Amino acid sequence: MTLYTNQTGKLIEVKEKAFRLEKDIQNIFEANLAEIMGLELVKREFTIKNKRIDTLGYDAQACAFIIIEYKRDKNVSVVDQGFTYLSLMLENKADFIVEYNESLKRNLKRDDVDWSQTRVAFVSPSFTENQIQATNFKDIAIELWEVKQYENDSIAINPIKKSVAAESIKPLTQQNQSLKKVTEEIKVYTEQDHIAKASEITFELYEKFKAAIMNLADGVSVNPLKYWLNFDKGSLTLASMEIQRKKLNITINKKVGQLDDTKSLARDVSKIGHYGKGDYQVQVEDDTNLEYIMSLVKQVIQK
């Protein structure tokens, strides 16, 4: 992607500026971890069993730890290193709990963490085609994030999405016990996992609402979690959707008192248990109010 400035009607290219050190990338991410990845920063340079983790984060929605590594070297196997870190965490769960509690002054317990949602993220200015293909499995808990900086102090961050036709990595790990153990304990949820719960009518309904939400703005993506799907624009969750057999529960990411709902269609779920991010929820069994519900979701973008 080429960037230009347009101040006088003539386009002037903004040139990419290389990062001098991996630490420069790390500083950017750690200072903005909530905005970029929706994570809490737990620890910088976390050392365990003679291995150093660049950044340890925590995903409050998934209730899971996330390991982040920064790379300028293209000639590394992100899959091998990723599985090493996943194994390290699963074999030393107590150490991660202790670090979280000491660093953030909290009282997180082992059972509060969903270890099946553990993942590793690699951040680099670019990845090779081999690295991208090696992680293009629907159930591999390894993410790739590209970050670039430009001469006008702009930063571009792009999470690399897996292809729709991505296959399972499990057949490739059956002959390696350590890899097999990781893939058996960690579950990467997909959109298909959630769709499988729906009837044919509800599936069609989901497709309509999905398309409508994704058309609200550029760059909206579907991110499956264990119990629901998030519709995110960057680090901002617009809405969450729980697919049931005969209905959809759509949670709108607005705090109590901040949603302009003239039809009083959304109910306040701030004080009751619910899936998704936000304090308002709409139960949907047909598409009668689709456009109106989209006007509610759009308020999240407009703030």
C-alpha atoms as a PDB file:
ATOM      1  CA  MET A   1       0.000   0.000   0.000  1.00  0.00           C
ATOM      2  CA  THR A   2       1.303   3.434  -0.977  1.00  0.00           C
ATOM      3  CA  LEU A   3       0.364   6.510   1.067  1.00  0.00           C
ATOM      4  CA  TYR A   4       0.101  10.024  -0.341  1.00  0.00           C
ATOM      5  CA  THR A   5      -0.561  13.495   1.030  1.00  0.00           C
ATOM      6  CA  ASN A   6      -2.960  15.749  -0.868  1.00  0.00           C
ATOM      7  CA  GLN A   7      -2.542  19.353   0.251  1.00  0.00           C
ATOM      8  CA  THR A   8      -2.482  21.193  -3.083  1.00  0.00           C
ATOM      9  CA  GLY A   9      -4.283  18.769  -5.374  1.00  0.00           C
ATOM     10  CA  LYS A  10      -1.013  17.072  -6.313  1.00  0.00           C
ATOM     11  CA  LEU A  11      -0.305  13.749  -4.646  1.00  0.00           C
ATOM     12  CA  ILE A  12       3.010  13.442  -2.853  1.00  0.00           C
ATOM     13  CA  GLU A  13       4.127   9.996  -1.757  1.00  0.00           C
ATOM     14  CA  VAL A  14       4.737   9.469   1.943  1.00  0.00           C
ATOM     15  CA  LYS A  15       7.730   7.152   2.178  1.00  0.00           C
ATOM     16  CA  GLU A  16       7.940   4.297   4.631  1.00  0.00           C
ATOM     17  CA  LYS A  17      10.511   4.754   7.385  1.00  0.00           C
ATOM     18  CA  ALA A  18      12.170   1.621   8.743  1.00  0.00           C
ATOM     19  CA  PHE A  19      12.101   0.891  12.456  1.00  0.00           C
ATOM     20  CA  ARG A  20      15.594   1.147  13.864  1.00  0.00           C
ATOM     21  CA  LEU A  21      15.078  -1.448  16.602  1.00  0.00           C
ATOM     22  CA  GLU A  22      12.537  -4.059  17.626  1.00  0.00           C
ATOM     23  CA  LYS A  23      12.199  -2.063  20.843  1.00  0.00           C
ATOM     24  CA  ASP A  24      10.722   0.823  18.829  1.00  0.00           C
ATOM     25  CA  ILE A  25       7.869  -1.430  17.709  1.00  0.00           C
ATOM     26  CA  GLN A  26       7.481  -2.800  21.215  1.00  0.00           C
ATOM     27  CA  ASN A  27       7.239   0.697  22.718  1.00  0.00           C
ATOM     28  CA  ILE A  28       4.459   1.666  20.300  1.00  0.00           C
ATOM     29  CA  PHE A  29       2.405  -1.454  21.007  1.00  0.00           C
ATOM     30  CA  GLU A  30       2.838  -1.457  24.767  1.00  0.00           C
ATOM     31  CA  ALA A  31       1.918   2.240  25.055  1.00  0.00           C
ATOM     32  CA  ASN A  32      -1.252   1.599  23.027  1.00  0.00           C
ATOM     33  CA  LEU A  33      -2.081  -2.040  23.710  1.00  0.00           C
ATOM     34  CA  ALA A  34      -5.729  -1.406  24.607  1.00  0.00           C
ATOM     35  CA  GLU A  35      -6.316   0.706  21.502  1.00  0.00           C
ATOM     36  CA  ILE A  36      -4.511  -1.637  19.086  1.00  0.00           C
ATOM     37  CA  MET A  37      -5.359  -5.116  20.351  1.00  0.00           C
ATOM     38  CA  GLY A  38      -7.900  -4.564  23.122  1.00  0.00           C
ATOM     39  CA  LEU A  39      -5.540  -6.015  25.751  1.00  0.00           C
ATOM     40  CA  GLU A  40      -4.274  -5.123  29.193  1.00  0.00           C
ATOM     41  CA  LEU A  41      -0.498  -4.850  29.548  1.00  0.00           C
ATOM     42  CA  VAL A  42       0.620  -7.307  32.232  1.00  0.00           C
ATOM     43  CA  LYS A  43       4.408  -7.362  31.940  1.00  0.00           C
ATOM     44  CA  ARG A  44       7.189  -6.170  29.672  1.00  0.00           C
ATOM     45  CA  GLU A  45      10.134  -8.549  29.253  1.00  0.00           C
ATOM     46  CA  PHE A  46       8.627 -11.423  31.228  1.00  0.00           C
ATOM     47  CA  THR A  47      11.224 -14.154  31.818  1.00  0.00           C
ATOM     48  CA  ILE A  48      10.207 -17.714  32.624  1.00  0.00           C
ATOM     49  CA  LYS A  49      12.227 -20.950  32.385  1.00  0.00           C
ATOM     50  CA  ASN A  50      15.132 -19.120  30.719  1.00  0.00           C
ATOM     51  CA  LYS A  51      12.864 -17.788  27.988  1.00  0.00           C
ATOM     52  CA  ARG A  52      12.041 -14.100  27.597  1.00  0.00           C
ATOM     53  CA  ILE A  53       8.608 -13.001  26.476  1.00  0.00           C
ATOM     54  CA  ASP A  54       8.621  -9.527  24.934  1.00  0.00           C
ATOM     55  CA  THR A  55       5.116  -8.549  26.089  1.00  0.00           C
ATOM     56  CA  LEU A  56       2.589 -10.386  28.199  1.00  0.00           C
ATOM     57  CA  GLY A  57      -0.983  -9.162  27.713  1.00  0.00           C
ATOM     58  CA  TYR A  58      -4.388 -10.192  29.024  1.00  0.00           C
ATOM     59  CA  ASP A  59      -7.614 -10.338  27.055  1.00  0.00           C
ATOM     60  CA  ALA A  60     -10.437  -9.532  29.497  1.00  0.00           C
ATOM     61  CA  GLN A  61     -13.154 -10.584  27.033  1.00  0.00           C
ATOM     62  CA  ALA A  62     -11.627 -14.003  26.365  1.00  0.00           C
ATOM     63  CA  CYS A  63     -10.251 -14.287  29.938  1.00  0.00           C
ATOM     64  CA  ALA A  64      -6.936 -15.381  28.460  1.00  0.00           C
ATOM     65  CA  PHE A  65      -3.249 -14.486  28.380  1.00  0.00           C
ATOM     66  CA  ILE A  66      -1.681 -13.335  25.125  1.00  0.00           C
ATOM     67  CA  ILE A  67       2.050 -13.500  24.383  1.00  0.00           C
ATOM     68  CA  ILE A  68       3.375 -10.862  21.965  1.00  0.00           C
ATOM     69  CA  GLU A  69       6.720 -11.099  20.169  1.00  0.00           C
ATOM     70  CA  TYR A  70       8.260  -8.408  17.946  1.00  0.00           C
ATOM     71  CA  LYS A  71      10.318  -9.330  14.881  1.00  0.00           C
ATOM     72  CA  ARG A  72      12.477  -7.517  12.356  1.00  0.00           C
ATOM     73  CA  ASP A  73      14.127 -10.735  11.152  1.00  0.00           C
ATOM     74  CA  LYS A  74      12.102 -12.430   8.411  1.00  0.00           C
ATOM     75  CA  ASN A  75      14.005 -15.709   8.583  1.00  0.00           C
ATOM     76  CA  VAL A  76      12.387 -17.200  11.669  1.00  0.00           C
ATOM     77  CA  SER A  77       9.789 -19.937  11.983  1.00  0.00           C
ATOM     78  CA  VAL A  78       6.878 -18.258  13.718  1.00  0.00           C
ATOM     79  CA  VAL A  79       5.082 -21.602  13.991  1.00  0.00           C
ATOM     80  CA  ASP A  80       7.917 -23.329  15.892  1.00  0.00           C
ATOM     81  CA  GLN A  81       8.437 -20.356  18.153  1.00  0.00           C
ATOM     82  CA  GLY A  82       4.696 -19.881  18.623  1.00  0.00           C
ATOM     83  CA  PHE A  83       4.146 -23.463  19.747  1.00  0.00           C
ATOM     84  CA  THR A  84       7.143 -23.182  22.092  1.00  0.00           C
ATOM     85  CA  TYR A  85       5.537 -20.220  23.840  1.00  0.00           C
ATOM     86  CA  LEU A  86       2.098 -21.837  23.947  1.00  0.00           C
ATOM     87  CA  SER A  87       3.601 -24.952  25.554  1.00  0.00           C
ATOM     88  CA  LEU A  88       5.541 -22.772  27.976  1.00  0.00           C
ATOM     89  CA  MET A  89       2.375 -21.093  29.173  1.00  0.00           C
ATOM     90  CA  LEU A  90       0.280 -24.231  29.459  1.00  0.00           C
ATOM     91  CA  GLU A  91       3.026 -25.956  31.471  1.00  0.00           C
ATOM     92  CA  ASN A  92       3.549 -22.994  33.831  1.00  0.00           C
ATOM     93  CA  LYS A  93       0.071 -21.598  34.405  1.00  0.00           C
ATOM     94  CA  ALA A  94       0.700 -20.649  38.034  1.00  0.00           C
ATOM     95  CA  ASP A  95       3.638 -18.398  37.078  1.00  0.00           C
ATOM     96  CA  PHE A  96       1.437 -16.388  34.727  1.00  0.00           C
ATOM     97  CA  ILE A  97      -1.260 -16.007  37.394  1.00  0.00           C
ATOM     98  CA  VAL A  98       1.302 -14.799  39.941  1.00  0.00           C
ATOM     99  CA  GLU A  99       2.771 -12.303  37.455  1.00  0.00           C
ATOM    100  CA  TYR A 100      -0.679 -10.937  36.633  1.00  0.00           C
ATOM    101  CA  ASN A 101      -1.607 -10.464  40.284  1.00  0.00           C
ATOM    102  CA  GLU A 102       1.713  -8.896  41.261  1.00  0.00           C
ATOM    103  CA  SER A 103       1.900  -6.567  38.266  1.00  0.00           C
ATOM    104  CA  LEU A 104      -1.722  -5.404  38.238  1.00  0.00           C
ATOM    105  CA  LYS A 105      -2.478  -5.755  41.967  1.00  0.00           C
ATOM    106  CA  ARG A 106      -5.416  -8.057  41.277  1.00  0.00           C
ATOM    107  CA  ASN A 107      -6.639 -11.366  42.638  1.00  0.00           C
ATOM    108  CA  LEU A 108      -6.989 -13.499  39.529  1.00  0.00           C
ATOM    109  CA  LYS A 109      -7.435 -17.205  40.223  1.00  0.00           C
ATOM    110  CA  ARG A 110      -6.368 -20.095  38.029  1.00  0.00           C
ATOM    111  CA  ASP A 111      -9.960 -21.087  37.267  1.00  0.00           C
ATOM    112  CA  ASP A 112     -10.769 -17.508  36.183  1.00  0.00           C
ATOM    113  CA  VAL A 113      -8.555 -17.978  33.123  1.00  0.00           C
ATOM    114  CA  ASP A 114      -9.783 -19.731  29.993  1.00  0.00           C
ATOM    115  CA  TRP A 115      -6.526 -21.413  29.042  1.00  0.00           C
ATOM    116  CA  SER A 116      -8.091 -22.796  25.862  1.00  0.00           C
ATOM    117  CA  GLN A 117      -8.123 -19.221  24.504  1.00  0.00           C
ATOM    118  CA  THR A 118      -4.364 -18.670  24.949  1.00  0.00           C
ATOM    119  CA  ARG A 119      -2.641 -17.307  21.842  1.00  0.00           C
ATOM    120  CA  VAL A 120       0.622 -15.859  20.543  1.00  0.00           C
ATOM    121  CA  ALA A 121       0.887 -12.736  18.367  1.00  0.00           C
ATOM    122  CA  PHE A 122       3.912 -11.876  16.256  1.00  0.00           C
ATOM    123  CA  VAL A 123       4.375  -8.228  15.256  1.00  0.00           C
ATOM    124  CA  SER A 124       6.675  -7.241  12.402  1.00  0.00           C
ATOM    125  CA  PRO A 125       7.015  -4.666   9.607  1.00  0.00           C
ATOM    126  CA  SER A 126       6.470  -7.543   7.171  1.00  0.00           C
ATOM    127  CA  PHE A 127       6.171 -11.295   6.978  1.00  0.00           C
ATOM    128  CA  THR A 128       7.337 -13.643   4.246  1.00  0.00           C
ATOM    129  CA  GLU A 129       4.838 -15.586   2.174  1.00  0.00           C
ATOM    130  CA  ASN A 130       6.094 -18.764   3.857  1.00  0.00           C
ATOM    131  CA  GLN A 131       5.378 -17.347   7.309  1.00  0.00           C
ATOM    132  CA  ILE A 132       1.888 -16.289   6.281  1.00  0.00           C
ATOM    133  CA  GLN A 133       1.103 -19.655   4.724  1.00  0.00           C
ATOM    134  CA  ALA A 134       2.555 -21.535   7.711  1.00  0.00           C
ATOM    135  CA  THR A 135       0.042 -19.849  10.037  1.00  0.00           C
ATOM    136  CA  ASN A 136      -2.918 -20.040   7.658  1.00  0.00           C
ATOM    137  CA  PHE A 137      -4.786 -22.691   9.642  1.00  0.00           C
ATOM    138  CA  LYS A 138      -8.214 -21.985  11.077  1.00  0.00           C
ATOM    139  CA  ASP A 139      -7.360 -23.539  14.451  1.00  0.00           C
ATOM    140  CA  ILE A 140      -3.805 -22.356  15.061  1.00  0.00           C
ATOM    141  CA  ALA A 141      -3.506 -19.946  17.998  1.00  0.00           C
ATOM    142  CA  ILE A 142      -0.863 -17.803  16.309  1.00  0.00           C
ATOM    143  CA  GLU A 143      -1.583 -14.322  14.939  1.00  0.00           C
ATOM    144  CA  LEU A 144       0.490 -12.126  12.624  1.00  0.00           C
ATOM    145  CA  TRP A 145       0.330  -8.306  12.842  1.00  0.00           C
ATOM    146  CA  GLU A 146       2.083  -6.028  10.350  1.00  0.00           C
ATOM    147  CA  VAL A 147       3.163  -2.577  11.491  1.00  0.00           C
ATOM    148  CA  LYS A 148       4.724   0.145   9.339  1.00  0.00           C
ATOM    149  CA  GLN A 149       5.747   3.722  10.068  1.00  0.00           C
ATOM    150  CA  TYR A 150       6.019   6.603   7.609  1.00  0.00           C
ATOM    151  CA  GLU A 151       7.949   9.845   7.323  1.00  0.00           C
ATOM    152  CA  ASN A 152       4.936  11.954   8.356  1.00  0.00           C
ATOM    153  CA  ASP A 153       4.788  10.076  11.724  1.00  0.00           C
ATOM    154  CA  SER A 154       1.857   7.919  10.603  1.00  0.00           C
ATOM    155  CA  ILE A 155       1.626   4.319  11.754  1.00  0.00           C
ATOM    156  CA  ALA A 156      -0.241   1.595   9.851  1.00  0.00           C
ATOM    157  CA  ILE A 157      -1.205  -1.607  11.674  1.00  0.00           C
ATOM    158  CA  ASN A 158      -2.723  -4.556   9.851  1.00  0.00           C
ATOM    159  CA  PRO A 159      -3.678  -7.902  11.416  1.00  0.00           C
ATOM    160  CA  ILE A 160      -3.230 -10.606   8.771  1.00  0.00           C
ATOM    161  CA  LYS A 161      -6.451 -12.561   8.427  1.00  0.00           C
ATOM    162  CA  LYS A 162      -6.602 -16.262   7.693  1.00  0.00           C
ATOM    163  CA  SER A 163      -8.195 -17.257   4.404  1.00  0.00           C
ATOM    164  CA  VAL A 164     -11.804 -18.429   4.376  1.00  0.00           C
ATOM    165  CA  ALA A 165     -10.677 -21.834   3.095  1.00  0.00           C
ATOM    166  CA  ALA A 166      -8.025 -22.327   5.810  1.00  0.00           C
ATOM    167  CA  GLU A 167      -7.756 -25.948   6.891  1.00  0.00           C
ATOM    168  CA  SER A 168      -7.151 -27.519  10.301  1.00  0.00           C
ATOM    169  CA  ILE A 169      -3.603 -27.933  11.583  1.00  0.00           C
ATOM    170  CA  LYS A 170      -4.487 -30.931  13.765  1.00  0.00           C
ATOM    171  CA  PRO A 171      -3.685 -33.632  11.153  1.00  0.00           C
ATOM    172  CA  LEU A 172      -0.157 -32.205  10.924  1.00  0.00           C
ATOM    173  CA  THR A 173       0.445 -32.343  14.683  1.00  0.00           C
ATOM    174  CA  GLN A 174      -0.600 -35.925  15.395  1.00  0.00           C
ATOM    175  CA  GLN A 175       2.951 -37.316  15.098  1.00  0.00           C
ATOM    176  CA  ASN A 176       4.445 -34.744  17.488  1.00  0.00           C
ATOM    177  CA  GLN A 177       3.281 -35.212  21.079  1.00  0.00           C
ATOM    178  CA  SER A 178       4.162 -31.702  22.284  1.00  0.00           C
ATOM    179  CA  LEU A 179       2.361 -30.062  19.372  1.00  0.00           C
ATOM    180  CA  LYS A 180      -0.560 -32.452  19.722  1.00  0.00           C
ATOM    181  CA  LYS A 181      -0.928 -31.575  23.397  1.00  0.00           C
ATOM    182  CA  VAL A 182      -1.097 -27.848  22.612  1.00  0.00           C
ATOM    183  CA  THR A 183      -3.697 -28.246  19.865  1.00  0.00           C
ATOM    184  CA  GLU A 184      -5.810 -30.481  22.105  1.00  0.00           C
ATOM    185  CA  GLU A 185      -5.857 -27.971  24.969  1.00  0.00           C
ATOM    186  CA  ILE A 186      -6.216 -24.780  22.951  1.00  0.00           C
ATOM    187  CA  LYS A 187      -9.368 -24.181  20.945  1.00  0.00           C
ATOM    188  CA  VAL A 188      -9.482 -21.500  18.261  1.00  0.00           C
ATOM    189  CA  TYR A 189     -13.133 -20.714  17.624  1.00  0.00           C
ATOM    190  CA  THR A 190     -14.345 -19.989  14.118  1.00  0.00           C
ATOM    191  CA  GLU A 191     -17.454 -18.411  12.661  1.00  0.00           C
ATOM    192  CA  GLN A 192     -18.545 -21.881  11.589  1.00  0.00           C
ATOM    193  CA  ASP A 193     -18.556 -23.076  15.215  1.00  0.00           C
ATOM    194  CA  HIS A 194     -21.218 -20.477  15.986  1.00  0.00           C
ATOM    195  CA  ILE A 195     -23.209 -20.885  12.786  1.00  0.00           C
ATOM    196  CA  ALA A 196     -23.559 -24.605  13.519  1.00  0.00           C
ATOM    197  CA  LYS A 197     -25.907 -23.745  16.402  1.00  0.00           C
ATOM    198  CA  ALA A 198     -28.451 -22.035  14.141  1.00  0.00           C
ATOM    199  CA  SER A 199     -31.459 -23.331  12.258  1.00  0.00           C
ATOM    200  CA  GLU A 200     -31.578 -22.589   8.523  1.00  0.00           C
ATOM    201  CA  ILE A 201     -33.844 -19.604   9.143  1.00  0.00           C
ATOM    202  CA  THR A 202     -31.584 -18.214  11.870  1.00  0.00           C
ATOM    203  CA  PHE A 203     -28.512 -18.738   9.681  1.00  0.00           C
ATOM    204  CA  GLU A 204     -30.100 -16.626   6.930  1.00  0.00           C
ATOM    205  CA  LEU A 205     -30.987 -14.024   9.546  1.00  0.00           C
ATOM    206  CA  TYR A 206     -27.394 -14.000  10.775  1.00  0.00           C
ATOM    207  CA  GLU A 207     -26.085 -13.479   7.253  1.00  0.00           C
ATOM    208  CA  LYS A 208     -28.370 -10.456   6.795  1.00  0.00           C
ATOM    209  CA  PHE A 209     -27.350  -8.816  10.061  1.00  0.00           C
ATOM    210  CA  LYS A 210     -23.698  -9.650   9.515  1.00  0.00           C
ATOM    211  CA  ALA A 211     -23.724  -7.992   6.100  1.00  0.00           C
ATOM    212  CA  ALA A 212     -25.552  -4.956   7.476  1.00  0.00           C
ATOM    213  CA  ILE A 213     -23.064  -4.440  10.321  1.00  0.00           C
ATOM    214  CA  MET A 214     -20.046  -4.867   8.060  1.00  0.00           C
ATOM    215  CA  ASN A 215     -21.479  -2.289   5.665  1.00  0.00           C
ATOM    216  CA  LEU A 216     -21.678   0.345   8.398  1.00  0.00           C
ATOM    217  CA  ALA A 217     -17.989   1.252   7.965  1.00  0.00           C
ATOM    218  CA  ASP A 218     -14.824   0.221   6.183  1.00  0.00           C
ATOM    219  CA  GLY A 219     -12.611  -2.306   7.903  1.00  0.00           C
ATOM    220  CA  VAL A 220     -15.220  -4.080  10.035  1.00  0.00           C
ATOM    221  CA  SER A 221     -14.253  -7.694  10.735  1.00  0.00           C
ATOM    222  CA  VAL A 222     -15.862 -10.704  12.436  1.00  0.00           C
ATOM    223  CA  ASN A 223     -13.872 -12.051  15.388  1.00  0.00           C
ATOM    224  CA  PRO A 224     -15.222 -15.252  16.975  1.00  0.00           C
ATOM    225  CA  LEU A 225     -14.787 -15.794  20.711  1.00  0.00           C
ATOM    226  CA  LYS A 226     -15.872 -18.792  22.749  1.00  0.00           C
ATOM    227  CA  TYR A 227     -19.527 -17.869  23.265  1.00  0.00           C
ATOM    228  CA  TRP A 228     -20.143 -15.040  20.811  1.00  0.00           C
ATOM    229  CA  LEU A 229     -18.811 -13.162  17.796  1.00  0.00           C
ATOM    230  CA  ASN A 230     -17.509  -9.610  17.906  1.00  0.00           C
ATOM    231  CA  PHE A 231     -17.883  -7.181  15.032  1.00  0.00           C
ATOM    232  CA  ASP A 232     -14.794  -4.997  15.339  1.00  0.00           C
ATOM    233  CA  LYS A 233     -13.457  -1.949  13.581  1.00  0.00           C
ATOM    234  CA  GLY A 234      -9.829  -2.037  14.632  1.00  0.00           C
ATOM    235  CA  SER A 235      -9.828  -2.302  18.418  1.00  0.00           C
ATOM    236  CA  LEU A 236     -13.391  -0.911  18.684  1.00  0.00           C
ATOM    237  CA  THR A 237     -16.130  -3.506  19.114  1.00  0.00           C
ATOM    238  CA  LEU A 238     -19.318  -2.244  17.471  1.00  0.00           C
ATOM    239  CA  ALA A 239     -21.561  -5.119  18.467  1.00  0.00           C
ATOM    240  CA  SER A 240     -21.436  -8.693  19.671  1.00  0.00           C
ATOM    241  CA  MET A 241     -23.689 -11.479  18.448  1.00  0.00           C
ATOM    242  CA  GLU A 242     -24.696 -14.703  20.168  1.00  0.00           C
ATOM    243  CA  ILE A 243     -26.232 -17.171  17.735  1.00  0.00           C
ATOM    244  CA  GLN A 244     -28.928 -19.412  19.171  1.00  0.00           C
ATOM    245  CA  ARG A 245     -31.018 -21.916  17.291  1.00  0.00           C
ATOM    246  CA  LYS A 246     -34.081 -19.705  16.836  1.00  0.00           C
ATOM    247  CA  LYS A 247     -32.793 -16.186  17.495  1.00  0.00           C
ATOM    248  CA  LEU A 248     -29.833 -13.828  17.642  1.00  0.00           C
ATOM    249  CA  ASN A 249     -28.820 -11.850  20.708  1.00  0.00           C
ATOM    250  CA  ILE A 250     -27.119  -8.663  19.533  1.00  0.00           C
ATOM    251  CA  THR A 251     -25.258  -6.691  22.192  1.00  0.00           C
ATOM    252  CA  ILE A 252     -24.518  -3.063  21.320  1.00  0.00           C
ATOM    253  CA  ASN A 253     -21.313  -1.615  22.733  1.00  0.00           C
ATOM    254  CA  LYS A 254     -22.791   1.387  24.521  1.00  0.00           C
ATOM    255  CA  LYS A 255     -22.831   2.170  28.228  1.00  0.00           C
ATOM    256  CA  VAL A 256     -26.114   2.639  30.083  1.00  0.00           C
ATOM    257  CA  GLY A 257     -27.673   6.016  29.271  1.00  0.00           C
ATOM    258  CA  GLN A 258     -25.581   6.551  26.113  1.00  0.00           C
ATOM    259  CA  LEU A 259     -27.844   4.886  23.539  1.00  0.00           C
ATOM    260  CA  ASP A 260     -30.499   6.916  21.718  1.00  0.00           C
ATOM    261  CA  ASP A 261     -33.206   4.271  21.345  1.00  0.00           C
ATOM    262  CA  THR A 262     -36.508   6.018  20.548  1.00  0.00           C
ATOM    263  CA  LYS A 263     -38.331   2.702  20.055  1.00  0.00           C
ATOM    264  CA  SER A 264     -36.993   1.262  23.352  1.00  0.00           C
ATOM    265  CA  LEU A 265     -36.063  -1.867  21.430  1.00  0.00           C
ATOM    266  CA  ALA A 266     -32.818  -2.571  23.305  1.00  0.00           C
ATOM    267  CA  ARG A 267     -32.945  -3.741  26.887  1.00  0.00           C
ATOM    268  CA  ASP A 268     -30.503  -2.763  29.614  1.00  0.00           C
ATOM    269  CA  VAL A 269     -28.367  -5.817  30.466  1.00  0.00           C
ATOM    270  CA  SER A 270     -25.734  -3.960  32.477  1.00  0.00           C
ATOM    271  CA  LYS A 271     -26.748  -5.650  35.713  1.00  0.00           C
ATOM    272  CA  ILE A 272     -27.396  -9.146  34.426  1.00  0.00           C
ATOM    273  CA  GLY A 273     -25.114 -11.770  32.936  1.00  0.00           C
ATOM    274  CA  HIS A 274     -24.890 -11.648  29.151  1.00  0.00           C
ATOM    275  CA  TYR A 275     -22.537 -12.486  26.323  1.00  0.00           C
ATOM    276  CA  GLY A 276     -20.817  -9.693  24.445  1.00  0.00           C
ATOM    277  CA  LYS A 277     -19.433  -6.220  25.008  1.00  0.00           C
ATOM    278  CA  GLY A 278     -21.858  -3.457  25.912  1.00  0.00           C
ATOM    279  CA  ASP A 279     -24.841  -2.703  28.156  1.00  0.00           C
ATOM    280  CA  TYR A 280     -27.678  -2.943  25.618  1.00  0.00           C
ATOM    281  CA  GLN A 281     -29.034  -6.060  23.959  1.00  0.00           C
ATOM    282  CA  VAL A 282     -31.590  -6.714  21.231  1.00  0.00           C
ATOM    283  CA  GLN A 283     -33.161 -10.120  20.682  1.00  0.00           C
ATOM    284  CA  VAL A 284     -33.797 -10.760  16.993  1.00  0.00           C
ATOM    285  CA  GLU A 285     -36.064 -13.406  15.461  1.00  0.00           C
ATOM    286  CA  ASP A 286     -36.681 -11.711  12.093  1.00  0.00           C
ATOM    287  CA  ASP A 287     -35.364  -8.801  10.058  1.00  0.00           C
ATOM    288  CA  THR A 288     -38.307  -6.450  10.668  1.00  0.00           C
ATOM    289  CA  ASN A 289     -36.212  -3.918  12.590  1.00  0.00           C
ATOM    290  CA  LEU A 290     -32.909  -4.481  10.775  1.00  0.00           C
ATOM    291  CA  GLU A 291     -32.431  -0.882   9.613  1.00  0.00           C
ATOM    292  CA  TYR A 292     -33.405   0.543  13.001  1.00  0.00           C
ATOM    293  CA  ILE A 293     -31.027  -1.814  14.842  1.00  0.00           C
ATOM    294  CA  MET A 294     -28.252  -0.734  12.466  1.00  0.00           C
ATOM    295  CA  SER A 295     -28.962   2.884  13.439  1.00  0.00           C
ATOM    296  CA  LEU A 296     -28.323   1.847  17.055  1.00  0.00           C
ATOM    297  CA  VAL A 297     -25.087   0.031  16.229  1.00  0.00           C
ATOM    298  CA  LYS A 298     -23.917   2.986  14.134  1.00  0.00           C
ATOM    299  CA  GLN A 299     -24.000   5.174  17.242  1.00  0.00           C
ATOM    300  CA  VAL A 300     -20.983   3.211  18.519  1.00  0.00           C
ATOM    301  CA  ILE A 301     -18.943   4.509  15.575  1.00  0.00           C
ATOM    302  CA  GLN A 302     -20.271   8.035  15.857  1.00  0.00           C
ATOM    303  CA  LYS A 303     -19.808   8.153  19.635  1.00  0.00           C
END
